[in-house]
Amino acid sequence: MPQKPNPLTSWPSNNLDPAAEVPTVPDILLWIRLPARLSRRQTADMFNFRDEESISVLVRAKLLKPLGNPPEGAPMWFATVYILQLSQDVNWLAKATLVVRESVHVKNYPTDTK
C-alpha cells in the first residue's frame, strides 16, 4: 500500500484517487494543524467553492479581505483565523454563495446589448 504524504509538509498533492469513484476531500481539510495563512486555492477549498476565481469574485465584492494590500494579479493570502470565522457565519456564507452564483450566471449567460 503506498504511503500517504505528510499533509504538514506537502502541498499541493493530487487529491484525486484514480481507484476511487468520486474525488477525495481536498487535502487541506485533512490537515491536523492549518497554516497561519491560506492561498486562494486553499481558501476556496475551505469554503467548498469550485475554484480560485470564486475567491477573486468575493474579494472584488469586498466580502473577503486578503492579507496586506496585494497589487492586481499578485498572489493573495488570507488569515486562517479570519477564514475559519467566516466559515461559521451563516449570513456571510449565504451572501458569498449568492455573489459567486451571480458571477457564474453572468459569465455563462452574458446579456445581449444589441
N, C-alpha and C. Protein backbone atom coordinates (compact mmCIF):
# COMPACT_ATOMS: atom_id res chain seq x y z
N MET A 1 0.84 -1.18 0.00
CA MET A 1 0.00 0.00 0.00
C MET A 1 0.89 1.24 0.00
N PRO A 2 0.66 2.19 -0.94
CA PRO A 2 1.51 3.38 -0.99
C PRO A 2 1.28 4.25 0.25
N GLN A 3 2.35 4.84 0.72
CA GLN A 3 2.28 5.69 1.91
C GLN A 3 1.78 7.08 1.52
N LYS A 4 0.81 7.58 2.26
CA LYS A 4 0.26 8.91 2.00
C LYS A 4 1.27 9.96 2.45
N PRO A 5 1.49 11.01 1.63
CA PRO A 5 2.44 12.05 2.03
C PRO A 5 1.98 12.78 3.28
N ASN A 6 2.95 13.30 4.01
CA ASN A 6 2.66 14.06 5.21
C ASN A 6 1.95 15.35 4.84
N PRO A 7 0.70 15.57 5.30
CA PRO A 7 -0.04 16.77 4.90
C PRO A 7 0.55 18.06 5.45
N LEU A 8 1.41 17.96 6.46
CA LEU A 8 2.01 19.18 7.00
C LEU A 8 3.21 19.64 6.20
N THR A 9 3.77 18.76 5.38
CA THR A 9 4.97 19.13 4.63
C THR A 9 4.79 19.08 3.13
N SER A 10 3.66 18.62 2.65
CA SER A 10 3.48 18.52 1.20
C SER A 10 2.22 19.23 0.75
N TRP A 11 2.39 20.20 -0.11
CA TRP A 11 1.28 20.91 -0.74
C TRP A 11 1.74 21.37 -2.10
N PRO A 12 0.98 21.31 -3.16
CA PRO A 12 -0.24 20.54 -3.26
C PRO A 12 0.06 19.08 -3.60
N SER A 13 -0.91 18.25 -3.45
CA SER A 13 -0.78 16.87 -3.91
C SER A 13 -2.00 16.56 -4.75
N ASN A 14 -1.93 15.47 -5.46
CA ASN A 14 -3.06 15.09 -6.29
C ASN A 14 -4.16 14.57 -5.38
N ASN A 15 -5.26 15.29 -5.27
CA ASN A 15 -6.31 14.87 -4.36
C ASN A 15 -7.37 14.05 -5.07
N LEU A 16 -7.06 13.50 -6.23
CA LEU A 16 -7.97 12.60 -6.91
C LEU A 16 -7.36 11.21 -6.88
N ASP A 17 -8.05 10.30 -6.26
CA ASP A 17 -7.58 8.92 -6.20
C ASP A 17 -8.12 8.20 -7.42
N PRO A 18 -7.25 7.74 -8.35
CA PRO A 18 -7.75 7.10 -9.57
C PRO A 18 -8.56 5.84 -9.28
N ALA A 19 -8.36 5.20 -8.13
CA ALA A 19 -9.10 3.99 -7.80
C ALA A 19 -10.48 4.31 -7.24
N ALA A 20 -10.69 5.53 -6.80
CA ALA A 20 -11.97 5.91 -6.20
C ALA A 20 -12.95 6.33 -7.29
N GLU A 21 -14.22 6.17 -6.98
CA GLU A 21 -15.25 6.57 -7.94
C GLU A 21 -15.53 8.06 -7.86
N VAL A 22 -15.28 8.67 -6.71
CA VAL A 22 -15.51 10.10 -6.53
C VAL A 22 -14.22 10.74 -6.02
N PRO A 23 -14.02 12.02 -6.27
CA PRO A 23 -12.81 12.68 -5.74
C PRO A 23 -12.80 12.63 -4.21
N THR A 24 -11.61 12.58 -3.66
CA THR A 24 -11.48 12.64 -2.21
C THR A 24 -11.62 14.09 -1.76
N VAL A 25 -11.72 14.29 -0.47
CA VAL A 25 -11.83 15.66 0.05
C VAL A 25 -10.52 16.40 -0.20
N PRO A 26 -10.58 17.73 -0.32
CA PRO A 26 -9.34 18.48 -0.50
C PRO A 26 -8.36 18.19 0.63
N ASP A 27 -7.10 18.07 0.29
CA ASP A 27 -6.07 17.73 1.27
C ASP A 27 -6.08 18.63 2.49
N ILE A 28 -6.34 19.91 2.30
CA ILE A 28 -6.26 20.84 3.43
C ILE A 28 -7.25 20.50 4.53
N LEU A 29 -8.37 19.88 4.16
CA LEU A 29 -9.37 19.53 5.16
C LEU A 29 -8.94 18.35 6.03
N LEU A 30 -7.86 17.68 5.64
CA LEU A 30 -7.34 16.55 6.42
C LEU A 30 -6.17 16.94 7.31
N TRP A 31 -5.70 18.17 7.19
CA TRP A 31 -4.55 18.61 7.97
C TRP A 31 -4.92 18.68 9.44
N ILE A 32 -4.00 18.31 10.31
CA ILE A 32 -4.22 18.39 11.75
C ILE A 32 -4.09 19.84 12.21
N ARG A 33 -3.11 20.52 11.69
CA ARG A 33 -2.89 21.92 12.04
C ARG A 33 -2.82 22.72 10.75
N LEU A 34 -3.66 23.73 10.66
CA LEU A 34 -3.67 24.58 9.47
C LEU A 34 -2.56 25.61 9.55
N PRO A 35 -2.05 26.05 8.39
CA PRO A 35 -1.04 27.12 8.40
C PRO A 35 -1.69 28.45 8.81
N ALA A 36 -0.88 29.41 9.15
CA ALA A 36 -1.39 30.72 9.60
C ALA A 36 -2.06 31.49 8.46
N ARG A 37 -1.62 31.24 7.24
CA ARG A 37 -2.25 31.92 6.11
C ARG A 37 -2.53 30.90 5.02
N LEU A 38 -3.56 31.21 4.22
CA LEU A 38 -4.04 30.31 3.18
C LEU A 38 -3.95 30.98 1.82
N SER A 39 -3.63 30.20 0.79
CA SER A 39 -3.63 30.70 -0.58
C SER A 39 -5.08 30.78 -1.08
N ARG A 40 -5.26 31.31 -2.28
CA ARG A 40 -6.61 31.37 -2.86
C ARG A 40 -7.18 29.96 -3.01
N ARG A 41 -6.37 29.01 -3.50
CA ARG A 41 -6.85 27.63 -3.69
C ARG A 41 -7.26 27.00 -2.37
N GLN A 42 -6.43 27.17 -1.35
CA GLN A 42 -6.74 26.62 -0.03
C GLN A 42 -7.99 27.27 0.55
N THR A 43 -8.14 28.57 0.34
CA THR A 43 -9.32 29.29 0.83
C THR A 43 -10.57 28.78 0.12
N ALA A 44 -10.48 28.57 -1.18
CA ALA A 44 -11.62 28.02 -1.93
C ALA A 44 -11.99 26.64 -1.39
N ASP A 45 -10.98 25.82 -1.08
CA ASP A 45 -11.24 24.50 -0.50
C ASP A 45 -11.93 24.61 0.86
N MET A 46 -11.51 25.56 1.66
CA MET A 46 -12.11 25.72 2.99
C MET A 46 -13.59 26.09 2.90
N PHE A 47 -13.96 26.88 1.89
CA PHE A 47 -15.35 27.28 1.71
C PHE A 47 -16.12 26.36 0.77
N ASN A 48 -15.44 25.34 0.24
CA ASN A 48 -16.04 24.40 -0.70
C ASN A 48 -16.51 25.08 -1.99
N PHE A 49 -15.76 26.09 -2.44
CA PHE A 49 -16.01 26.69 -3.74
C PHE A 49 -15.21 25.92 -4.78
N ARG A 50 -15.71 25.93 -5.99
CA ARG A 50 -15.12 25.12 -7.05
C ARG A 50 -13.70 25.52 -7.42
N ASP A 51 -13.45 26.82 -7.48
CA ASP A 51 -12.15 27.24 -7.99
C ASP A 51 -11.68 28.54 -7.33
N GLU A 52 -10.46 28.90 -7.66
CA GLU A 52 -9.85 30.12 -7.10
C GLU A 52 -10.55 31.38 -7.58
N GLU A 53 -11.16 31.33 -8.75
CA GLU A 53 -11.84 32.51 -9.28
C GLU A 53 -12.97 32.95 -8.36
N SER A 54 -13.61 32.01 -7.68
CA SER A 54 -14.67 32.35 -6.73
C SER A 54 -14.13 33.24 -5.62
N ILE A 55 -12.90 32.98 -5.20
CA ILE A 55 -12.29 33.79 -4.15
C ILE A 55 -12.01 35.20 -4.68
N SER A 56 -11.55 35.30 -5.92
CA SER A 56 -11.32 36.62 -6.52
C SER A 56 -12.63 37.40 -6.62
N VAL A 57 -13.71 36.72 -6.95
CA VAL A 57 -15.03 37.37 -7.03
C VAL A 57 -15.41 37.92 -5.66
N LEU A 58 -15.18 37.15 -4.61
CA LEU A 58 -15.52 37.61 -3.26
C LEU A 58 -14.66 38.78 -2.82
N VAL A 59 -13.39 38.79 -3.24
CA VAL A 59 -12.52 39.93 -2.91
C VAL A 59 -13.02 41.18 -3.63
N ARG A 60 -13.35 41.05 -4.93
CA ARG A 60 -13.85 42.20 -5.69
C ARG A 60 -15.16 42.73 -5.10
N ALA A 61 -15.99 41.83 -4.56
CA ALA A 61 -17.26 42.22 -3.95
C ALA A 61 -17.08 42.73 -2.51
N LYS A 62 -15.83 42.76 -2.05
CA LYS A 62 -15.47 43.22 -0.71
C LYS A 62 -16.08 42.35 0.39
N LEU A 63 -16.29 41.07 0.09
CA LEU A 63 -16.75 40.12 1.09
C LEU A 63 -15.59 39.36 1.72
N LEU A 64 -14.42 39.43 1.10
CA LEU A 64 -13.21 38.81 1.63
C LEU A 64 -12.08 39.82 1.56
N LYS A 65 -11.25 39.84 2.57
CA LYS A 65 -10.12 40.78 2.61
C LYS A 65 -8.82 39.98 2.67
N PRO A 66 -7.97 40.09 1.64
CA PRO A 66 -6.67 39.41 1.69
C PRO A 66 -5.73 40.11 2.66
N LEU A 67 -4.70 39.40 3.07
CA LEU A 67 -3.68 39.99 3.93
C LEU A 67 -2.90 41.05 3.17
N GLY A 68 -2.53 42.11 3.84
CA GLY A 68 -1.77 43.18 3.19
C GLY A 68 -2.64 43.89 2.18
N ASN A 69 -2.00 44.41 1.17
CA ASN A 69 -2.70 45.09 0.09
C ASN A 69 -2.09 44.62 -1.22
N PRO A 70 -2.38 43.37 -1.65
CA PRO A 70 -1.71 42.84 -2.83
C PRO A 70 -2.11 43.60 -4.10
N PRO A 71 -1.14 43.91 -4.96
CA PRO A 71 -1.47 44.56 -6.22
C PRO A 71 -2.23 43.60 -7.15
N GLU A 72 -2.87 44.16 -8.14
CA GLU A 72 -3.61 43.38 -9.13
C GLU A 72 -2.73 42.29 -9.71
N GLY A 73 -3.23 41.07 -9.71
CA GLY A 73 -2.50 39.95 -10.31
C GLY A 73 -1.49 39.28 -9.39
N ALA A 74 -1.25 39.85 -8.21
CA ALA A 74 -0.30 39.25 -7.27
C ALA A 74 -1.00 38.13 -6.49
N PRO A 75 -0.23 37.18 -5.97
CA PRO A 75 -0.85 36.14 -5.14
C PRO A 75 -1.54 36.75 -3.93
N MET A 76 -2.68 36.19 -3.57
CA MET A 76 -3.42 36.66 -2.40
C MET A 76 -3.32 35.62 -1.30
N TRP A 77 -3.15 36.08 -0.08
CA TRP A 77 -3.10 35.22 1.09
C TRP A 77 -4.15 35.69 2.07
N PHE A 78 -4.71 34.74 2.82
CA PHE A 78 -5.79 35.04 3.76
C PHE A 78 -5.46 34.46 5.12
N ALA A 79 -5.77 35.19 6.18
CA ALA A 79 -5.53 34.71 7.54
C ALA A 79 -6.48 33.55 7.84
N THR A 80 -5.91 32.45 8.28
CA THR A 80 -6.70 31.26 8.56
C THR A 80 -7.76 31.53 9.62
N VAL A 81 -7.42 32.28 10.67
CA VAL A 81 -8.41 32.56 11.72
C VAL A 81 -9.60 33.33 11.17
N TYR A 82 -9.35 34.24 10.23
CA TYR A 82 -10.40 35.02 9.58
C TYR A 82 -11.29 34.10 8.73
N ILE A 83 -10.69 33.21 7.98
CA ILE A 83 -11.44 32.28 7.12
C ILE A 83 -12.28 31.34 7.98
N LEU A 84 -11.73 30.85 9.07
CA LEU A 84 -12.49 29.97 9.96
C LEU A 84 -13.68 30.69 10.58
N GLN A 85 -13.50 31.97 10.95
CA GLN A 85 -14.62 32.76 11.49
C GLN A 85 -15.72 32.90 10.45
N LEU A 86 -15.35 33.27 9.23
CA LEU A 86 -16.35 33.45 8.17
C LEU A 86 -17.06 32.14 7.84
N SER A 87 -16.33 31.03 7.91
CA SER A 87 -16.94 29.74 7.56
C SER A 87 -18.02 29.32 8.54
N GLN A 88 -18.09 29.98 9.70
CA GLN A 88 -19.12 29.66 10.68
C GLN A 88 -20.24 30.71 10.73
N ASP A 89 -20.15 31.70 9.85
CA ASP A 89 -21.15 32.77 9.79
C ASP A 89 -22.15 32.44 8.67
N VAL A 90 -23.34 31.98 9.06
CA VAL A 90 -24.33 31.54 8.07
C VAL A 90 -24.76 32.69 7.15
N ASN A 91 -24.92 33.89 7.68
CA ASN A 91 -25.33 35.03 6.85
C ASN A 91 -24.25 35.37 5.83
N TRP A 92 -22.97 35.35 6.24
CA TRP A 92 -21.88 35.63 5.30
C TRP A 92 -21.83 34.55 4.23
N LEU A 93 -21.99 33.29 4.63
CA LEU A 93 -21.96 32.20 3.65
C LEU A 93 -23.08 32.34 2.62
N ALA A 94 -24.26 32.77 3.07
CA ALA A 94 -25.37 32.97 2.14
C ALA A 94 -25.05 34.09 1.15
N LYS A 95 -24.50 35.21 1.64
CA LYS A 95 -24.12 36.32 0.76
C LYS A 95 -23.04 35.89 -0.22
N ALA A 96 -22.01 35.20 0.28
CA ALA A 96 -20.91 34.76 -0.58
C ALA A 96 -21.41 33.80 -1.66
N THR A 97 -22.27 32.87 -1.28
CA THR A 97 -22.82 31.92 -2.25
C THR A 97 -23.61 32.65 -3.33
N LEU A 98 -24.42 33.62 -2.93
CA LEU A 98 -25.21 34.39 -3.88
C LEU A 98 -24.31 35.17 -4.84
N VAL A 99 -23.28 35.83 -4.32
CA VAL A 99 -22.38 36.62 -5.16
C VAL A 99 -21.66 35.72 -6.16
N VAL A 100 -21.17 34.58 -5.72
CA VAL A 100 -20.47 33.66 -6.62
C VAL A 100 -21.44 33.10 -7.66
N ARG A 101 -22.64 32.73 -7.23
CA ARG A 101 -23.65 32.20 -8.16
C ARG A 101 -23.99 33.24 -9.22
N GLU A 102 -24.18 34.49 -8.81
CA GLU A 102 -24.50 35.55 -9.77
C GLU A 102 -23.34 35.77 -10.74
N SER A 103 -22.12 35.70 -10.24
CA SER A 103 -20.94 35.86 -11.09
C SER A 103 -20.87 34.77 -12.14
N VAL A 104 -21.13 33.54 -11.74
CA VAL A 104 -21.12 32.41 -12.68
C VAL A 104 -22.24 32.57 -13.70
N HIS A 105 -23.40 33.02 -13.24
CA HIS A 105 -24.53 33.21 -14.15
C HIS A 105 -24.21 34.27 -15.21
N VAL A 106 -23.65 35.40 -14.78
CA VAL A 106 -23.30 36.48 -15.71
C VAL A 106 -22.24 35.99 -16.71
N LYS A 107 -21.30 35.21 -16.21
CA LYS A 107 -20.23 34.69 -17.07
C LYS A 107 -20.79 33.71 -18.10
N ASN A 108 -21.74 32.86 -17.68
CA ASN A 108 -22.29 31.84 -18.58
C ASN A 108 -23.40 32.36 -19.47
N TYR A 109 -24.11 33.38 -19.03
CA TYR A 109 -25.23 33.92 -19.79
C TYR A 109 -25.11 35.43 -19.92
N PRO A 110 -24.14 35.90 -20.73
CA PRO A 110 -23.98 37.35 -20.88
C PRO A 110 -25.24 37.96 -21.50
N THR A 111 -25.55 39.18 -21.06
CA THR A 111 -26.73 39.85 -21.60
C THR A 111 -26.43 40.35 -23.01
N ASP A 112 -27.42 40.30 -23.84
CA ASP A 112 -27.28 40.80 -25.21
C ASP A 112 -27.49 42.29 -25.21
N THR A 113 -26.49 43.06 -25.67
CA THR A 113 -26.56 44.53 -25.63
C THR A 113 -26.94 45.13 -26.98
N LYS A 114 -27.53 44.35 -27.86
CA LYS A 114 -27.92 44.88 -29.18
C LYS A 114 -29.15 45.73 -29.11
